[in-house]
Amino acid sequence: MMVHHAAVVSLGQLHAQPELVVPALMRDFRSTDTLLHSLILTSLAQFEGKARESVRMVVEALKDTDQNVSNAAAFALKEIDPEAASKAGVK
């Protein structure tokens, strides 16, 4: 699992090929691993506006009971779509 986590972090740091990486990260979000969820959200944030297709998923993650996940979602939403973040009440 640690390799998977490291790969997600690396993909965010590279923030290359968003047309391939963003959908792959979104698919991985189906996992039940909350640490992975936080890492995915942080990686998506690094794609900024190129990750707009993930906005709906990120908004849903704001409701997560795990505070690390909901905080990562708030950060990601502000980076990906500041207007959507404002509408969702993220400051």
C-alpha atoms as a PDB file:
ATOM      1  CA  MET A   1       0.000   0.000   0.000  1.00  0.00           C
ATOM      2  CA  MET A   2       2.861   2.401   0.692  1.00  0.00           C
ATOM      3  CA  VAL A   3       3.951   2.133  -2.932  1.00  0.00           C
ATOM      4  CA  HIS A   4       0.447   3.132  -4.021  1.00  0.00           C
ATOM      5  CA  HIS A   5       0.542   6.116  -1.664  1.00  0.00           C
ATOM      6  CA  ALA A   6       3.962   7.157  -2.975  1.00  0.00           C
ATOM      7  CA  ALA A   7       2.759   6.855  -6.567  1.00  0.00           C
ATOM      8  CA  VAL A   8      -0.238   9.117  -5.892  1.00  0.00           C
ATOM      9  CA  VAL A   9       1.995  11.727  -4.264  1.00  0.00           C
ATOM     10  CA  SER A  10       4.451  11.559  -7.168  1.00  0.00           C
ATOM     11  CA  LEU A  11       1.708  12.000  -9.750  1.00  0.00           C
ATOM     12  CA  GLY A  12       0.594  15.156  -7.999  1.00  0.00           C
ATOM     13  CA  GLN A  13       4.121  16.506  -7.781  1.00  0.00           C
ATOM     14  CA  LEU A  14       4.684  15.909 -11.477  1.00  0.00           C
ATOM     15  CA  HIS A  15       1.236  17.312 -12.393  1.00  0.00           C
ATOM     16  CA  ALA A  16       1.739  16.127 -15.955  1.00  0.00           C
ATOM     17  CA  GLN A  17      -0.792  14.622 -18.364  1.00  0.00           C
ATOM     18  CA  PRO A  18      -3.897  15.648 -16.428  1.00  0.00           C
ATOM     19  CA  GLU A  19      -6.122  14.064 -19.079  1.00  0.00           C
ATOM     20  CA  LEU A  20      -4.781  10.659 -17.949  1.00  0.00           C
ATOM     21  CA  VAL A  21      -3.854  11.212 -14.327  1.00  0.00           C
ATOM     22  CA  VAL A  22      -6.924  13.035 -13.018  1.00  0.00           C
ATOM     23  CA  PRO A  23      -9.380  10.287 -14.075  1.00  0.00           C
ATOM     24  CA  ALA A  24      -7.029   7.636 -12.661  1.00  0.00           C
ATOM     25  CA  LEU A  25      -6.827   9.439  -9.325  1.00  0.00           C
ATOM     26  CA  MET A  26     -10.601   9.769  -9.284  1.00  0.00           C
ATOM     27  CA  ARG A  27     -10.983   6.024  -9.840  1.00  0.00           C
ATOM     28  CA  ASP A  28      -8.600   5.324  -6.953  1.00  0.00           C
ATOM     29  CA  PHE A  29     -10.799   7.439  -4.691  1.00  0.00           C
ATOM     30  CA  ARG A  30     -13.254   4.514  -4.548  1.00  0.00           C
ATOM     31  CA  SER A  31     -10.862   2.900  -2.083  1.00  0.00           C
ATOM     32  CA  THR A  32     -11.793   2.779   1.603  1.00  0.00           C
ATOM     33  CA  ASP A  33      -8.293   3.974   2.606  1.00  0.00           C
ATOM     34  CA  THR A  34      -8.723   7.440   4.145  1.00  0.00           C
ATOM     35  CA  LEU A  35      -5.002   8.208   3.928  1.00  0.00           C
ATOM     36  CA  LEU A  36      -5.167   7.447   0.219  1.00  0.00           C
ATOM     37  CA  HIS A  37      -8.183   9.763  -0.072  1.00  0.00           C
ATOM     38  CA  SER A  38      -6.222  12.618   1.521  1.00  0.00           C
ATOM     39  CA  LEU A  39      -3.241  12.000  -0.748  1.00  0.00           C
ATOM     40  CA  ILE A  40      -5.436  11.871  -3.851  1.00  0.00           C
ATOM     41  CA  LEU A  41      -7.115  15.151  -2.944  1.00  0.00           C
ATOM     42  CA  THR A  42      -3.754  16.812  -2.336  1.00  0.00           C
ATOM     43  CA  SER A  43      -2.469  15.495  -5.661  1.00  0.00           C
ATOM     44  CA  LEU A  44      -5.565  16.720  -7.492  1.00  0.00           C
ATOM     45  CA  ALA A  45      -5.016  20.165  -5.976  1.00  0.00           C
ATOM     46  CA  GLN A  46      -1.630  20.320  -7.676  1.00  0.00           C
ATOM     47  CA  PHE A  47      -3.345  20.080 -11.045  1.00  0.00           C
ATOM     48  CA  GLU A  48      -5.340  23.209 -10.211  1.00  0.00           C
ATOM     49  CA  GLY A  49      -7.869  24.080 -12.947  1.00  0.00           C
ATOM     50  CA  LYS A  50      -6.832  21.072 -15.008  1.00  0.00           C
ATOM     51  CA  ALA A  51      -8.618  18.870 -12.465  1.00  0.00           C
ATOM     52  CA  ARG A  52     -12.046  20.518 -12.816  1.00  0.00           C
ATOM     53  CA  GLU A  53     -13.666  17.192 -13.680  1.00  0.00           C
ATOM     54  CA  SER A  54     -13.026  16.147 -10.069  1.00  0.00           C
ATOM     55  CA  VAL A  55     -14.950  19.055  -8.495  1.00  0.00           C
ATOM     56  CA  ARG A  56     -18.087  17.043  -7.762  1.00  0.00           C
ATOM     57  CA  MET A  57     -16.048  14.304  -6.073  1.00  0.00           C
ATOM     58  CA  VAL A  58     -14.047  16.878  -4.096  1.00  0.00           C
ATOM     59  CA  VAL A  59     -17.212  18.647  -2.924  1.00  0.00           C
ATOM     60  CA  GLU A  60     -18.563  15.300  -1.697  1.00  0.00           C
ATOM     61  CA  ALA A  61     -15.295  14.703   0.163  1.00  0.00           C
ATOM     62  CA  LEU A  62     -15.899  17.909   2.136  1.00  0.00           C
ATOM     63  CA  LYS A  63     -18.557  15.920   4.017  1.00  0.00           C
ATOM     64  CA  ASP A  64     -16.181  13.112   5.002  1.00  0.00           C
ATOM     65  CA  THR A  65     -16.133  12.395   8.725  1.00  0.00           C
ATOM     66  CA  ASP A  66     -12.351  12.003   8.648  1.00  0.00           C
ATOM     67  CA  GLN A  67     -11.042  15.516   9.262  1.00  0.00           C
ATOM     68  CA  ASN A  68      -7.851  14.883   7.265  1.00  0.00           C
ATOM     69  CA  VAL A  69      -9.954  14.020   4.230  1.00  0.00           C
ATOM     70  CA  SER A  70     -12.352  16.951   4.600  1.00  0.00           C
ATOM     71  CA  ASN A  71      -9.435  19.370   5.133  1.00  0.00           C
ATOM     72  CA  ALA A  72      -7.648  18.003   2.066  1.00  0.00           C
ATOM     73  CA  ALA A  73     -10.883  18.375   0.109  1.00  0.00           C
ATOM     74  CA  ALA A  74     -11.223  22.022   1.160  1.00  0.00           C
ATOM     75  CA  PHE A  75      -7.640  22.726   0.109  1.00  0.00           C
ATOM     76  CA  ALA A  76      -8.110  20.898  -3.183  1.00  0.00           C
ATOM     77  CA  LEU A  77     -11.349  22.670  -4.013  1.00  0.00           C
ATOM     78  CA  LYS A  78      -9.777  26.091  -3.439  1.00  0.00           C
ATOM     79  CA  GLU A  79      -6.934  25.165  -5.793  1.00  0.00           C
ATOM     80  CA  ILE A  80      -9.042  23.487  -8.467  1.00  0.00           C
ATOM     81  CA  ASP A  81     -12.034  25.823  -8.578  1.00  0.00           C
ATOM     82  CA  PRO A  82     -12.043  28.806  -6.211  1.00  0.00           C
ATOM     83  CA  GLU A  83     -15.571  29.764  -7.283  1.00  0.00           C
ATOM     84  CA  ALA A  84     -16.918  26.304  -6.437  1.00  0.00           C
ATOM     85  CA  ALA A  85     -15.061  26.473  -3.118  1.00  0.00           C
ATOM     86  CA  SER A  86     -16.744  29.781  -2.323  1.00  0.00           C
ATOM     87  CA  LYS A  87     -20.168  28.381  -3.238  1.00  0.00           C
ATOM     88  CA  ALA A  88     -19.497  25.377  -0.979  1.00  0.00           C
ATOM     89  CA  GLY A  89     -18.627  27.695   1.908  1.00  0.00           C
ATOM     90  CA  VAL A  90     -14.929  26.834   1.956  1.00  0.00           C
ATOM     91  CA  LYS A  91     -12.822  29.692   3.291  1.00  0.00           C
END
